[in-house]
Amino acid sequence: MRLRPGHRLLVLAGLCGAAAAAVAHPHGRLDCQVQIDAGPAGLRGIDLRLALDAASSASLLPRLQLPEGGGPATTKDGRQFAELVAGMFRQSGWMLKLQALGADGEPTGTALDLADPAPALFSRTADGLVTVAVRLQPEAPAAAPHGWALACQDPSWYWATGFAGAAQFSATPGCKADLQAMRDMAEQAKALQAAAQRAGVPGADTAAPGLLQGSGVRAMAGTVRCPAP
C-alpha cells in the first residue's frame, strides 16, 4: 500500500498521540542517522535510523508491543507505522531527499526514488525512545560523478528533524561525508511554525510543548563524495 504524504501524516498523527496535540505545527522531533553505502561505481544503499522524541515514543510504545530486544512490530498499529516510516523515506523527496550533486556542488535534478528491501525494525533505547531502522536503496546503483546531497527534513513542517552531529552522518570508508552547518533546534522549530502559518496550515498557531524553546543543534542535510573509479 502506498500513501500520499498528506495521508501518511494523518496516519502518523493518529499513531503518535491525541488529536489536540497532533495538529500542532511543529508536532515533534525526529533525530536522523544515516550510513551511506557508496563507492566509485555509485550509491548502493542507505542505512537509516530514526529516533522519535520522548512524547511521541511514550505514545507509541503501548501500541507497538515490541519483542524483547526489538524487531518487527507485532501489532496492527505497529505494522502500519512500519510501512508508513518506510514510505516516508522511500520516494519523491518525502523526508529523506537524495539528489545528485552538480559540478558546482549544488543538488541537481529530481530526488532519487528509494526502495526498502526489508521491513523496518523497531527498538527502544535505554532512555525509552522508540527508534526505527530500515535499509533503503535505489533500484540500481546510483552514479553521480560529483557526489550526492542528502537531506532529512519534513516538507509539511510537521516534524523538526535533522542530524545531531557527524557521527549521525557517515559513509563507506574512502568516501567523504560532510554535514551542513548546525542550526539551533528552537530556531528551526520557530521557522517551521512560521512557514506553516504562511501556508495557512491548520494548527500552525500552536506547537508541541517545549519545541519552541528546545535545546540542542541539528543539521538537516549533508553531502557525500567518493573518489573517481
N, C-alpha and C. Protein backbone atom coordinates (compact mmCIF):
# COMPACT_ATOMS: atom_id res chain seq x y z
N MET A 1 0.84 -1.20 0.00
CA MET A 1 0.00 0.00 0.00
C MET A 1 0.87 1.24 0.00
N ARG A 2 0.58 2.19 -0.91
CA ARG A 2 1.32 3.44 -0.96
C ARG A 2 0.43 4.57 -0.48
N LEU A 3 0.95 5.39 0.41
CA LEU A 3 0.19 6.51 0.94
C LEU A 3 0.80 7.81 0.46
N ARG A 4 -0.05 8.74 0.06
CA ARG A 4 0.45 10.06 -0.30
C ARG A 4 0.93 10.77 0.97
N PRO A 5 1.85 11.79 0.83
CA PRO A 5 2.38 12.45 2.00
C PRO A 5 1.33 12.92 2.99
N GLY A 6 0.24 13.54 2.51
CA GLY A 6 -0.79 14.01 3.42
C GLY A 6 -1.43 12.87 4.19
N HIS A 7 -1.68 11.75 3.52
CA HIS A 7 -2.27 10.60 4.18
C HIS A 7 -1.31 10.01 5.20
N ARG A 8 -0.02 9.97 4.84
CA ARG A 8 0.97 9.45 5.79
C ARG A 8 0.97 10.28 7.07
N LEU A 9 0.88 11.60 6.89
CA LEU A 9 0.88 12.49 8.04
C LEU A 9 -0.30 12.22 8.95
N LEU A 10 -1.48 12.00 8.36
CA LEU A 10 -2.67 11.74 9.17
C LEU A 10 -2.53 10.42 9.93
N VAL A 11 -2.00 9.40 9.28
CA VAL A 11 -1.80 8.11 9.96
C VAL A 11 -0.81 8.27 11.10
N LEU A 12 0.29 8.97 10.83
CA LEU A 12 1.31 9.16 11.86
C LEU A 12 0.75 9.96 13.03
N ALA A 13 -0.07 10.97 12.74
CA ALA A 13 -0.69 11.75 13.80
C ALA A 13 -1.56 10.86 14.68
N GLY A 14 -2.34 9.99 14.05
CA GLY A 14 -3.21 9.10 14.82
C GLY A 14 -2.43 8.14 15.68
N LEU A 15 -1.26 7.72 15.20
CA LEU A 15 -0.46 6.77 15.97
C LEU A 15 0.31 7.44 17.10
N CYS A 16 0.67 8.70 16.90
CA CYS A 16 1.58 9.33 17.85
C CYS A 16 0.91 10.09 18.98
N GLY A 17 -0.41 10.29 18.95
CA GLY A 17 -0.97 10.99 20.09
C GLY A 17 -2.38 11.46 19.86
N ALA A 18 -2.89 12.19 20.82
CA ALA A 18 -4.25 12.70 20.78
C ALA A 18 -4.39 13.76 19.70
N ALA A 19 -5.64 13.97 19.27
CA ALA A 19 -5.87 14.89 18.15
C ALA A 19 -5.41 16.30 18.49
N ALA A 20 -5.63 16.74 19.72
CA ALA A 20 -5.27 18.11 20.08
C ALA A 20 -3.78 18.35 19.91
N ALA A 21 -2.97 17.36 20.29
CA ALA A 21 -1.53 17.52 20.13
C ALA A 21 -1.10 17.30 18.69
N ALA A 22 -1.82 16.43 17.98
CA ALA A 22 -1.38 16.04 16.65
C ALA A 22 -1.47 17.17 15.64
N VAL A 23 -2.35 18.15 15.84
CA VAL A 23 -2.49 19.22 14.86
C VAL A 23 -1.43 20.30 15.03
N ALA A 24 -0.64 20.26 16.08
CA ALA A 24 0.37 21.29 16.32
C ALA A 24 1.45 21.24 15.24
N HIS A 25 1.90 22.42 14.83
CA HIS A 25 3.00 22.53 13.85
C HIS A 25 4.05 23.44 14.42
N PRO A 26 5.26 22.95 14.71
CA PRO A 26 5.66 21.55 14.59
C PRO A 26 5.08 20.69 15.72
N HIS A 27 4.97 19.40 15.42
CA HIS A 27 4.37 18.47 16.37
C HIS A 27 5.41 17.80 17.26
N GLY A 28 6.56 17.48 16.70
CA GLY A 28 7.56 16.75 17.48
C GLY A 28 8.90 16.77 16.78
N ARG A 29 9.82 15.96 17.28
CA ARG A 29 11.18 15.95 16.77
C ARG A 29 11.56 14.54 16.33
N LEU A 30 12.22 14.46 15.19
CA LEU A 30 12.77 13.20 14.70
C LEU A 30 14.28 13.39 14.54
N ASP A 31 15.06 12.55 15.17
CA ASP A 31 16.51 12.60 15.00
C ASP A 31 16.92 11.54 13.98
N CYS A 32 17.62 11.96 12.94
CA CYS A 32 18.00 11.08 11.84
C CYS A 32 19.46 10.63 11.98
N GLN A 33 19.72 9.42 11.54
CA GLN A 33 21.07 8.90 11.46
C GLN A 33 21.18 8.06 10.19
N VAL A 34 22.22 8.28 9.39
CA VAL A 34 22.39 7.51 8.17
C VAL A 34 23.82 7.00 8.05
N GLN A 35 23.95 5.83 7.43
CA GLN A 35 25.23 5.30 6.98
C GLN A 35 25.06 5.05 5.49
N ILE A 36 25.81 5.82 4.68
CA ILE A 36 25.67 5.73 3.23
C ILE A 36 26.66 4.70 2.69
N ASP A 37 26.13 3.70 1.99
CA ASP A 37 26.95 2.65 1.38
C ASP A 37 27.20 3.05 -0.06
N ALA A 38 28.41 3.54 -0.34
CA ALA A 38 28.70 4.07 -1.66
C ALA A 38 30.16 3.79 -2.02
N GLY A 39 30.46 3.98 -3.30
CA GLY A 39 31.81 3.81 -3.80
C GLY A 39 31.94 4.49 -5.14
N PRO A 40 33.08 4.34 -5.80
CA PRO A 40 33.28 4.99 -7.09
C PRO A 40 32.23 4.62 -8.13
N ALA A 41 31.67 3.41 -8.05
CA ALA A 41 30.69 2.97 -9.04
C ALA A 41 29.29 3.52 -8.77
N GLY A 42 29.06 4.05 -7.59
CA GLY A 42 27.75 4.59 -7.31
C GLY A 42 27.29 4.32 -5.89
N LEU A 43 26.09 4.79 -5.59
CA LEU A 43 25.48 4.61 -4.27
C LEU A 43 24.66 3.31 -4.28
N ARG A 44 24.96 2.44 -3.31
CA ARG A 44 24.29 1.14 -3.25
C ARG A 44 23.14 1.11 -2.27
N GLY A 45 23.20 1.90 -1.21
CA GLY A 45 22.13 1.88 -0.23
C GLY A 45 22.38 2.86 0.90
N ILE A 46 21.35 3.06 1.70
CA ILE A 46 21.41 3.95 2.86
C ILE A 46 20.79 3.22 4.05
N ASP A 47 21.56 3.05 5.10
CA ASP A 47 21.02 2.51 6.34
C ASP A 47 20.55 3.67 7.19
N LEU A 48 19.26 3.72 7.41
CA LEU A 48 18.63 4.84 8.10
C LEU A 48 18.15 4.41 9.48
N ARG A 49 18.39 5.25 10.47
CA ARG A 49 17.86 5.04 11.82
C ARG A 49 17.19 6.34 12.26
N LEU A 50 15.96 6.23 12.67
CA LEU A 50 15.15 7.37 13.06
C LEU A 50 14.75 7.22 14.52
N ALA A 51 14.99 8.25 15.33
CA ALA A 51 14.61 8.23 16.75
C ALA A 51 13.53 9.27 17.00
N LEU A 52 12.42 8.83 17.58
CA LEU A 52 11.33 9.74 17.91
C LEU A 52 11.59 10.43 19.24
N ASP A 53 11.00 11.59 19.44
CA ASP A 53 11.16 12.31 20.69
C ASP A 53 10.44 11.58 21.82
N ALA A 54 10.66 12.02 23.04
CA ALA A 54 10.15 11.30 24.22
C ALA A 54 8.62 11.23 24.24
N ALA A 55 7.94 12.32 23.91
CA ALA A 55 6.47 12.32 23.97
C ALA A 55 5.88 11.38 22.92
N SER A 56 6.39 11.43 21.69
CA SER A 56 5.90 10.54 20.64
C SER A 56 6.21 9.09 20.98
N SER A 57 7.40 8.85 21.54
CA SER A 57 7.78 7.48 21.92
C SER A 57 6.85 6.94 22.98
N ALA A 58 6.54 7.76 23.99
CA ALA A 58 5.66 7.32 25.07
C ALA A 58 4.27 6.98 24.55
N SER A 59 3.81 7.70 23.52
CA SER A 59 2.51 7.42 22.95
C SER A 59 2.51 6.14 22.13
N LEU A 60 3.62 5.86 21.44
CA LEU A 60 3.68 4.71 20.55
C LEU A 60 3.97 3.39 21.26
N LEU A 61 4.78 3.42 22.30
CA LEU A 61 5.26 2.17 22.91
C LEU A 61 4.13 1.22 23.31
N PRO A 62 3.05 1.69 23.95
CA PRO A 62 1.99 0.74 24.33
C PRO A 62 1.33 0.07 23.13
N ARG A 63 1.34 0.73 21.98
CA ARG A 63 0.69 0.17 20.80
C ARG A 63 1.60 -0.76 20.01
N LEU A 64 2.89 -0.52 20.09
CA LEU A 64 3.82 -1.31 19.29
C LEU A 64 4.03 -2.71 19.85
N GLN A 65 4.08 -2.83 21.20
CA GLN A 65 4.35 -4.11 21.84
C GLN A 65 5.58 -4.77 21.21
N LEU A 66 6.71 -4.10 21.33
CA LEU A 66 7.94 -4.58 20.70
C LEU A 66 8.40 -5.89 21.30
N PRO A 67 8.93 -6.80 20.50
CA PRO A 67 9.51 -8.02 21.05
C PRO A 67 10.78 -7.68 21.83
N GLU A 68 11.16 -8.57 22.72
CA GLU A 68 12.37 -8.35 23.52
C GLU A 68 13.57 -8.14 22.61
N GLY A 69 14.30 -7.05 22.85
CA GLY A 69 15.47 -6.75 22.04
C GLY A 69 15.15 -6.02 20.74
N GLY A 70 13.86 -5.75 20.48
CA GLY A 70 13.48 -5.05 19.26
C GLY A 70 13.21 -6.01 18.12
N GLY A 71 12.78 -5.46 16.99
CA GLY A 71 12.47 -6.26 15.82
C GLY A 71 11.21 -5.76 15.14
N PRO A 72 10.65 -6.55 14.22
CA PRO A 72 9.41 -6.11 13.56
C PRO A 72 8.29 -5.91 14.56
N ALA A 73 7.47 -4.90 14.36
CA ALA A 73 6.34 -4.65 15.24
C ALA A 73 5.36 -5.82 15.18
N THR A 74 4.71 -6.12 16.30
CA THR A 74 3.83 -7.28 16.38
C THR A 74 2.35 -6.92 16.36
N THR A 75 2.02 -5.64 16.39
CA THR A 75 0.62 -5.23 16.39
C THR A 75 0.23 -4.63 15.05
N LYS A 76 -1.07 -4.51 14.80
CA LYS A 76 -1.54 -3.90 13.56
C LYS A 76 -1.06 -2.46 13.46
N ASP A 77 -1.19 -1.71 14.57
CA ASP A 77 -0.70 -0.33 14.58
C ASP A 77 0.79 -0.29 14.25
N GLY A 78 1.53 -1.21 14.86
CA GLY A 78 2.98 -1.22 14.65
C GLY A 78 3.35 -1.53 13.22
N ARG A 79 2.67 -2.50 12.62
CA ARG A 79 2.96 -2.84 11.22
C ARG A 79 2.60 -1.69 10.30
N GLN A 80 1.50 -1.02 10.60
CA GLN A 80 1.09 0.13 9.80
C GLN A 80 2.11 1.25 9.92
N PHE A 81 2.59 1.47 11.13
CA PHE A 81 3.59 2.51 11.34
C PHE A 81 4.90 2.16 10.63
N ALA A 82 5.28 0.87 10.66
CA ALA A 82 6.50 0.44 9.97
C ALA A 82 6.41 0.73 8.48
N GLU A 83 5.25 0.44 7.88
CA GLU A 83 5.05 0.71 6.46
C GLU A 83 5.07 2.21 6.19
N LEU A 84 4.46 2.96 7.08
CA LEU A 84 4.43 4.41 6.95
C LEU A 84 5.84 4.99 6.98
N VAL A 85 6.64 4.55 7.95
CA VAL A 85 8.00 5.08 8.07
C VAL A 85 8.81 4.78 6.82
N ALA A 86 8.73 3.53 6.34
CA ALA A 86 9.47 3.17 5.14
C ALA A 86 9.00 4.02 3.96
N GLY A 87 7.69 4.23 3.85
CA GLY A 87 7.16 5.01 2.75
C GLY A 87 7.58 6.47 2.81
N MET A 88 7.63 7.03 4.01
CA MET A 88 8.02 8.42 4.16
C MET A 88 9.41 8.66 3.59
N PHE A 89 10.30 7.71 3.81
CA PHE A 89 11.69 7.91 3.42
C PHE A 89 12.01 7.30 2.06
N ARG A 90 11.01 6.73 1.41
CA ARG A 90 11.27 5.94 0.21
C ARG A 90 11.30 6.75 -1.06
N GLN A 91 10.44 7.74 -1.21
CA GLN A 91 10.20 8.27 -2.54
C GLN A 91 9.91 9.76 -2.54
N SER A 92 10.17 10.35 -3.69
CA SER A 92 9.72 11.71 -4.01
C SER A 92 10.21 12.78 -3.04
N GLY A 93 11.34 12.55 -2.39
CA GLY A 93 11.88 13.57 -1.51
C GLY A 93 11.13 13.74 -0.21
N TRP A 94 10.25 12.79 0.13
CA TRP A 94 9.49 12.88 1.38
C TRP A 94 10.40 12.47 2.54
N MET A 95 10.77 13.43 3.36
CA MET A 95 11.66 13.25 4.50
C MET A 95 13.11 13.04 4.06
N LEU A 96 13.45 11.89 3.49
CA LEU A 96 14.83 11.63 3.08
C LEU A 96 14.95 11.97 1.60
N LYS A 97 15.63 13.04 1.30
CA LYS A 97 15.73 13.54 -0.08
C LYS A 97 17.16 13.33 -0.58
N LEU A 98 17.30 12.49 -1.58
CA LEU A 98 18.61 12.16 -2.15
C LEU A 98 18.69 12.72 -3.56
N GLN A 99 19.71 13.54 -3.82
CA GLN A 99 19.90 14.13 -5.14
C GLN A 99 21.37 14.05 -5.52
N ALA A 100 21.63 13.99 -6.82
CA ALA A 100 23.00 14.07 -7.32
C ALA A 100 23.50 15.50 -7.17
N LEU A 101 24.80 15.64 -6.94
CA LEU A 101 25.43 16.96 -6.91
C LEU A 101 25.91 17.31 -8.30
N GLY A 102 25.77 18.59 -8.66
CA GLY A 102 26.31 19.07 -9.92
C GLY A 102 27.76 19.47 -9.77
N ALA A 103 28.37 19.90 -10.87
CA ALA A 103 29.77 20.31 -10.85
C ALA A 103 30.01 21.50 -9.92
N ASP A 104 28.95 22.29 -9.68
CA ASP A 104 29.07 23.45 -8.80
C ASP A 104 28.87 23.09 -7.33
N GLY A 105 28.66 21.79 -7.04
CA GLY A 105 28.47 21.36 -5.66
C GLY A 105 27.07 21.53 -5.13
N GLU A 106 26.12 21.93 -6.01
CA GLU A 106 24.73 22.12 -5.61
C GLU A 106 23.88 20.93 -6.07
N PRO A 107 22.83 20.59 -5.29
CA PRO A 107 21.94 19.50 -5.71
C PRO A 107 21.31 19.79 -7.07
N THR A 108 21.14 18.75 -7.87
CA THR A 108 20.59 18.94 -9.20
C THR A 108 19.58 17.84 -9.52
N GLY A 109 18.59 18.16 -10.31
CA GLY A 109 17.63 17.15 -10.74
C GLY A 109 16.64 16.78 -9.66
N THR A 110 15.78 15.85 -9.99
CA THR A 110 14.76 15.40 -9.05
C THR A 110 15.35 14.43 -8.03
N ALA A 111 14.63 14.24 -6.95
CA ALA A 111 15.08 13.29 -5.92
C ALA A 111 15.02 11.87 -6.46
N LEU A 112 15.99 11.06 -6.07
CA LEU A 112 16.02 9.67 -6.49
C LEU A 112 15.02 8.86 -5.68
N ASP A 113 14.24 8.01 -6.35
CA ASP A 113 13.34 7.11 -5.65
C ASP A 113 14.16 6.03 -4.95
N LEU A 114 13.74 5.68 -3.74
CA LEU A 114 14.42 4.65 -2.96
C LEU A 114 13.42 3.57 -2.57
N ALA A 115 13.87 2.34 -2.49
CA ALA A 115 13.03 1.23 -2.08
C ALA A 115 13.55 0.68 -0.76
N ASP A 116 12.67 0.09 0.03
CA ASP A 116 13.09 -0.56 1.27
C ASP A 116 13.01 -2.07 1.05
N PRO A 117 14.14 -2.77 0.99
CA PRO A 117 14.13 -4.19 0.67
C PRO A 117 13.77 -5.09 1.83
N ALA A 118 13.63 -4.57 3.01
CA ALA A 118 13.29 -5.38 4.19
C ALA A 118 12.41 -4.55 5.12
N PRO A 119 11.61 -5.21 5.97
CA PRO A 119 10.74 -4.45 6.88
C PRO A 119 11.53 -3.56 7.82
N ALA A 120 10.92 -2.44 8.18
CA ALA A 120 11.52 -1.57 9.19
C ALA A 120 11.57 -2.30 10.54
N LEU A 121 12.65 -2.09 11.28
CA LEU A 121 12.83 -2.74 12.58
C LEU A 121 12.76 -1.69 13.69
N PHE A 122 11.97 -1.96 14.69
CA PHE A 122 11.81 -1.05 15.83
C PHE A 122 12.70 -1.51 16.99
N SER A 123 13.12 -0.56 17.79
CA SER A 123 13.79 -0.88 19.04
C SER A 123 13.53 0.25 20.03
N ARG A 124 14.01 0.07 21.23
CA ARG A 124 13.81 1.06 22.30
C ARG A 124 15.14 1.33 22.97
N THR A 125 15.50 2.60 23.08
CA THR A 125 16.76 2.95 23.72
C THR A 125 16.63 2.82 25.23
N ALA A 126 17.77 2.91 25.91
CA ALA A 126 17.78 2.79 27.37
C ALA A 126 16.94 3.87 28.03
N ASP A 127 16.83 5.04 27.39
CA ASP A 127 16.03 6.12 27.97
C ASP A 127 14.61 6.17 27.41
N GLY A 128 14.17 5.08 26.75
CA GLY A 128 12.78 4.95 26.38
C GLY A 128 12.37 5.53 25.05
N LEU A 129 13.32 5.90 24.20
CA LEU A 129 12.96 6.44 22.89
C LEU A 129 12.75 5.32 21.88
N VAL A 130 11.71 5.46 21.08
CA VAL A 130 11.46 4.50 20.01
C VAL A 130 12.36 4.84 18.83
N THR A 131 13.05 3.83 18.29
CA THR A 131 13.86 4.01 17.09
C THR A 131 13.35 3.07 16.01
N VAL A 132 13.52 3.49 14.78
CA VAL A 132 13.13 2.69 13.62
C VAL A 132 14.32 2.64 12.68
N ALA A 133 14.68 1.44 12.25
CA ALA A 133 15.81 1.27 11.33
C ALA A 133 15.33 0.59 10.06
N VAL A 134 15.81 1.07 8.93
CA VAL A 134 15.44 0.49 7.65
C VAL A 134 16.58 0.72 6.67
N ARG A 135 16.78 -0.25 5.77
CA ARG A 135 17.76 -0.04 4.70
C ARG A 135 17.01 0.37 3.44
N LEU A 136 17.46 1.46 2.84
CA LEU A 136 16.87 1.98 1.61
C LEU A 136 17.90 1.89 0.50
N GLN A 137 17.44 1.61 -0.72
CA GLN A 137 18.39 1.52 -1.82
C GLN A 137 17.70 1.86 -3.14
N PRO A 138 18.48 2.42 -4.08
CA PRO A 138 17.92 2.65 -5.42
C PRO A 138 17.74 1.31 -6.12
N GLU A 139 16.90 1.30 -7.16
CA GLU A 139 16.67 0.06 -7.89
C GLU A 139 17.95 -0.45 -8.55
N ALA A 140 18.83 0.46 -8.93
CA ALA A 140 20.14 0.11 -9.47
C ALA A 140 21.16 1.06 -8.84
N PRO A 141 22.44 0.65 -8.75
CA PRO A 141 23.44 1.56 -8.15
C PRO A 141 23.37 2.94 -8.79
N ALA A 142 23.22 3.96 -7.98
CA ALA A 142 23.06 5.33 -8.47
C ALA A 142 24.43 6.00 -8.61
N ALA A 143 24.77 6.36 -9.84
CA ALA A 143 26.05 7.01 -10.09
C ALA A 143 25.88 8.52 -10.11
N ALA A 144 26.83 9.23 -9.53
CA ALA A 144 26.86 10.69 -9.55
C ALA A 144 28.32 11.11 -9.47
N PRO A 145 28.91 11.57 -10.56
CA PRO A 145 30.35 11.84 -10.59
C PRO A 145 30.81 12.89 -9.59
N HIS A 146 29.89 13.77 -9.16
CA HIS A 146 30.27 14.82 -8.23
C HIS A 146 29.77 14.55 -6.80
N GLY A 147 29.11 13.41 -6.60
CA GLY A 147 28.65 13.06 -5.27
C GLY A 147 27.15 13.25 -5.11
N TRP A 148 26.70 13.17 -3.86
CA TRP A 148 25.27 13.21 -3.56
C TRP A 148 24.98 14.22 -2.45
N ALA A 149 23.80 14.78 -2.51
CA ALA A 149 23.27 15.60 -1.42
C ALA A 149 22.14 14.82 -0.77
N LEU A 150 22.12 14.79 0.55
CA LEU A 150 21.11 14.04 1.26
C LEU A 150 20.55 14.90 2.38
N ALA A 151 19.23 15.10 2.38
CA ALA A 151 18.57 15.92 3.40
C ALA A 151 17.54 15.09 4.15
N CYS A 152 17.41 15.36 5.43
CA CYS A 152 16.39 14.73 6.26
C CYS A 152 15.51 15.85 6.81
N GLN A 153 14.39 16.12 6.13
CA GLN A 153 13.52 17.21 6.56
C GLN A 153 12.09 16.93 6.10
N ASP A 154 11.15 17.50 6.82
CA ASP A 154 9.74 17.26 6.59
C ASP A 154 9.15 18.43 5.81
N PRO A 155 8.75 18.22 4.54
CA PRO A 155 8.22 19.34 3.76
C PRO A 155 6.85 19.82 4.21
N SER A 156 6.22 19.11 5.16
CA SER A 156 4.91 19.55 5.66
C SER A 156 5.03 20.36 6.95
N TRP A 157 6.26 20.62 7.42
CA TRP A 157 6.53 21.43 8.62
C TRP A 157 6.02 20.77 9.90
N TYR A 158 5.76 19.47 9.85
CA TYR A 158 5.16 18.78 10.99
C TYR A 158 6.20 18.35 12.01
N TRP A 159 7.36 17.95 11.52
CA TRP A 159 8.42 17.45 12.41
C TRP A 159 9.67 18.32 12.29
N ALA A 160 10.29 18.62 13.42
CA ALA A 160 11.63 19.20 13.43
C ALA A 160 12.61 18.03 13.32
N THR A 161 13.47 18.06 12.32
CA THR A 161 14.29 16.90 12.01
C THR A 161 15.76 17.29 11.89
N GLY A 162 16.59 16.29 11.65
CA GLY A 162 17.99 16.57 11.34
C GLY A 162 18.95 15.61 12.00
N PHE A 163 20.22 15.86 11.74
CA PHE A 163 21.33 15.05 12.24
C PHE A 163 22.00 15.79 13.40
N ALA A 164 22.21 15.09 14.52
CA ALA A 164 22.74 15.74 15.71
C ALA A 164 24.24 15.97 15.66
N GLY A 165 24.94 15.36 14.71
CA GLY A 165 26.37 15.54 14.61
C GLY A 165 26.97 14.63 13.57
N ALA A 166 28.30 14.72 13.39
CA ALA A 166 28.99 13.96 12.35
C ALA A 166 28.80 12.46 12.52
N ALA A 167 28.68 11.98 13.74
CA ALA A 167 28.51 10.54 13.97
C ALA A 167 27.20 10.03 13.40
N GLN A 168 26.24 10.91 13.18
CA GLN A 168 24.93 10.51 12.64
C GLN A 168 24.88 10.61 11.10
N PHE A 169 25.99 11.01 10.48
CA PHE A 169 26.01 11.17 9.03
C PHE A 169 27.35 10.64 8.53
N SER A 170 27.38 9.37 8.15
CA SER A 170 28.65 8.74 7.80
C SER A 170 28.52 7.97 6.49
N ALA A 171 29.66 7.60 5.93
CA ALA A 171 29.68 6.91 4.65
C ALA A 171 30.75 5.83 4.66
N THR A 172 30.71 4.99 3.63
CA THR A 172 31.69 3.93 3.45
C THR A 172 33.11 4.52 3.53
N PRO A 173 34.05 3.85 4.23
CA PRO A 173 35.43 4.34 4.26
C PRO A 173 35.96 4.61 2.85
N GLY A 174 36.64 5.74 2.70
CA GLY A 174 37.11 6.15 1.39
C GLY A 174 36.26 7.25 0.79
N CYS A 175 34.99 7.32 1.20
CA CYS A 175 34.10 8.40 0.79
C CYS A 175 34.08 9.47 1.88
N LYS A 176 33.81 10.69 1.50
CA LYS A 176 33.83 11.82 2.43
C LYS A 176 32.40 12.29 2.68
N ALA A 177 31.99 12.28 3.95
CA ALA A 177 30.65 12.72 4.34
C ALA A 177 30.77 14.02 5.13
N ASP A 178 30.07 15.06 4.71
CA ASP A 178 30.12 16.36 5.36
C ASP A 178 28.72 16.87 5.64
N LEU A 179 28.47 17.31 6.87
CA LEU A 179 27.20 17.91 7.23
C LEU A 179 27.20 19.40 6.93
N GLN A 180 26.02 19.94 6.67
CA GLN A 180 25.87 21.39 6.59
C GLN A 180 26.08 21.98 7.99
N ALA A 181 26.11 23.31 8.05
CA ALA A 181 26.26 23.98 9.33
C ALA A 181 25.12 23.59 10.27
N MET A 182 25.44 23.43 11.55
CA MET A 182 24.45 23.07 12.54
C MET A 182 23.55 24.28 12.83
N ARG A 183 22.30 23.98 13.18
CA ARG A 183 21.32 25.02 13.42
C ARG A 183 20.62 24.77 14.74
N ASP A 184 20.36 25.83 15.50
CA ASP A 184 19.68 25.70 16.78
C ASP A 184 18.30 25.07 16.59
N MET A 185 17.98 24.05 17.41
CA MET A 185 16.72 23.34 17.25
C MET A 185 15.52 24.23 17.51
N ALA A 186 15.58 25.11 18.49
CA ALA A 186 14.47 26.01 18.76
C ALA A 186 14.24 26.96 17.59
N GLU A 187 15.32 27.45 16.98
CA GLU A 187 15.18 28.33 15.82
C GLU A 187 14.54 27.58 14.65
N GLN A 188 14.93 26.31 14.47
CA GLN A 188 14.33 25.52 13.41
C GLN A 188 12.83 25.35 13.65
N ALA A 189 12.46 25.05 14.89
CA ALA A 189 11.04 24.86 15.20
C ALA A 189 10.25 26.14 14.94
N LYS A 190 10.80 27.27 15.30
CA LYS A 190 10.11 28.55 15.06
C LYS A 190 9.98 28.81 13.56
N ALA A 191 11.02 28.46 12.80
CA ALA A 191 10.96 28.65 11.35
C ALA A 191 9.91 27.74 10.73
N LEU A 192 9.80 26.52 11.23
CA LEU A 192 8.78 25.59 10.75
C LEU A 192 7.38 26.13 11.03
N GLN A 193 7.20 26.65 12.24
CA GLN A 193 5.89 27.20 12.59
C GLN A 193 5.56 28.39 11.71
N ALA A 194 6.53 29.27 11.47
CA ALA A 194 6.28 30.45 10.63
C ALA A 194 5.93 30.03 9.21
N ALA A 195 6.62 29.02 8.67
CA ALA A 195 6.33 28.55 7.32
C ALA A 195 4.93 27.95 7.26
N ALA A 196 4.54 27.20 8.29
CA ALA A 196 3.20 26.61 8.33
C ALA A 196 2.13 27.69 8.43
N GLN A 197 2.41 28.75 9.19
CA GLN A 197 1.47 29.86 9.30
C GLN A 197 1.29 30.55 7.96
N ARG A 198 2.40 30.78 7.23
CA ARG A 198 2.31 31.42 5.92
C ARG A 198 1.51 30.58 4.94
N ALA A 199 1.61 29.25 5.10
CA ALA A 199 0.89 28.35 4.21
C ALA A 199 -0.55 28.12 4.63
N GLY A 200 -0.94 28.68 5.77
CA GLY A 200 -2.31 28.52 6.25
C GLY A 200 -2.62 27.12 6.75
N VAL A 201 -1.61 26.43 7.28
CA VAL A 201 -1.80 25.06 7.76
C VAL A 201 -2.56 25.06 9.08
N PRO A 202 -3.62 24.26 9.22
CA PRO A 202 -4.34 24.18 10.50
C PRO A 202 -3.38 23.75 11.62
N GLY A 203 -3.50 24.40 12.76
CA GLY A 203 -2.64 24.07 13.90
C GLY A 203 -1.33 24.79 13.93
N ALA A 204 -1.09 25.69 12.95
CA ALA A 204 0.20 26.37 12.89
C ALA A 204 0.39 27.41 13.99
N ASP A 205 -0.69 27.77 14.68
CA ASP A 205 -0.56 28.75 15.76
C ASP A 205 -0.14 28.10 17.07
N THR A 206 -0.06 26.78 17.10
CA THR A 206 0.39 26.08 18.30
C THR A 206 1.53 25.14 17.93
N ALA A 207 2.30 24.76 18.93
CA ALA A 207 3.40 23.82 18.73
C ALA A 207 3.42 22.86 19.91
N ALA A 208 3.98 21.69 19.68
CA ALA A 208 4.10 20.72 20.77
C ALA A 208 4.91 21.34 21.91
N PRO A 209 4.56 21.04 23.17
CA PRO A 209 5.24 21.65 24.31
C PRO A 209 6.76 21.47 24.24
N GLY A 210 7.47 22.58 24.47
CA GLY A 210 8.92 22.54 24.57
C GLY A 210 9.67 22.72 23.27
N LEU A 211 9.03 22.53 22.12
CA LEU A 211 9.78 22.59 20.87
C LEU A 211 10.31 23.98 20.57
N LEU A 212 9.51 25.00 20.83
CA LEU A 212 9.93 26.35 20.50
C LEU A 212 11.00 26.87 21.46
N GLN A 213 11.21 26.16 22.55
CA GLN A 213 12.27 26.52 23.49
C GLN A 213 13.28 25.38 23.62
N GLY A 214 13.26 24.43 22.67
CA GLY A 214 14.10 23.25 22.77
C GLY A 214 15.58 23.58 22.69
N SER A 215 16.39 22.71 23.27
CA SER A 215 17.84 22.89 23.25
C SER A 215 18.46 21.96 22.22
N GLY A 216 19.71 22.18 21.92
CA GLY A 216 20.44 21.33 21.00
C GLY A 216 20.48 21.90 19.60
N VAL A 217 21.34 21.35 18.79
CA VAL A 217 21.50 21.79 17.40
C VAL A 217 21.38 20.60 16.46
N ARG A 218 20.99 20.87 15.23
CA ARG A 218 20.85 19.84 14.21
C ARG A 218 21.25 20.43 12.85
N ALA A 219 21.72 19.54 11.98
CA ALA A 219 21.91 19.89 10.57
C ALA A 219 20.91 19.06 9.79
N MET A 220 20.22 19.68 8.84
CA MET A 220 19.18 18.96 8.11
C MET A 220 19.70 18.27 6.86
N ALA A 221 20.94 18.54 6.45
CA ALA A 221 21.43 17.97 5.20
C ALA A 221 22.95 17.85 5.21
N GLY A 222 23.46 17.10 4.24
CA GLY A 222 24.89 16.93 4.09
C GLY A 222 25.21 16.42 2.70
N THR A 223 26.50 16.22 2.44
CA THR A 223 26.94 15.74 1.12
C THR A 223 27.87 14.54 1.30
N VAL A 224 27.89 13.70 0.28
CA VAL A 224 28.79 12.54 0.25
C VAL A 224 29.51 12.54 -1.09
N ARG A 225 30.83 12.42 -1.04
CA ARG A 225 31.65 12.36 -2.25
C ARG A 225 32.60 11.17 -2.14
N CYS A 226 32.73 10.43 -3.25
CA CYS A 226 33.61 9.27 -3.30
C CYS A 226 34.65 9.48 -4.38
N PRO A 227 35.82 8.83 -4.25
CA PRO A 227 36.86 9.01 -5.26
C PRO A 227 36.42 8.47 -6.61
N ALA A 228 36.96 9.04 -7.67
CA ALA A 228 36.62 8.58 -9.02
C ALA A 228 37.17 7.17 -9.22
N PRO A 229 36.51 6.36 -10.06
CA PRO A 229 36.99 4.99 -10.29
C PRO A 229 38.33 4.97 -11.00
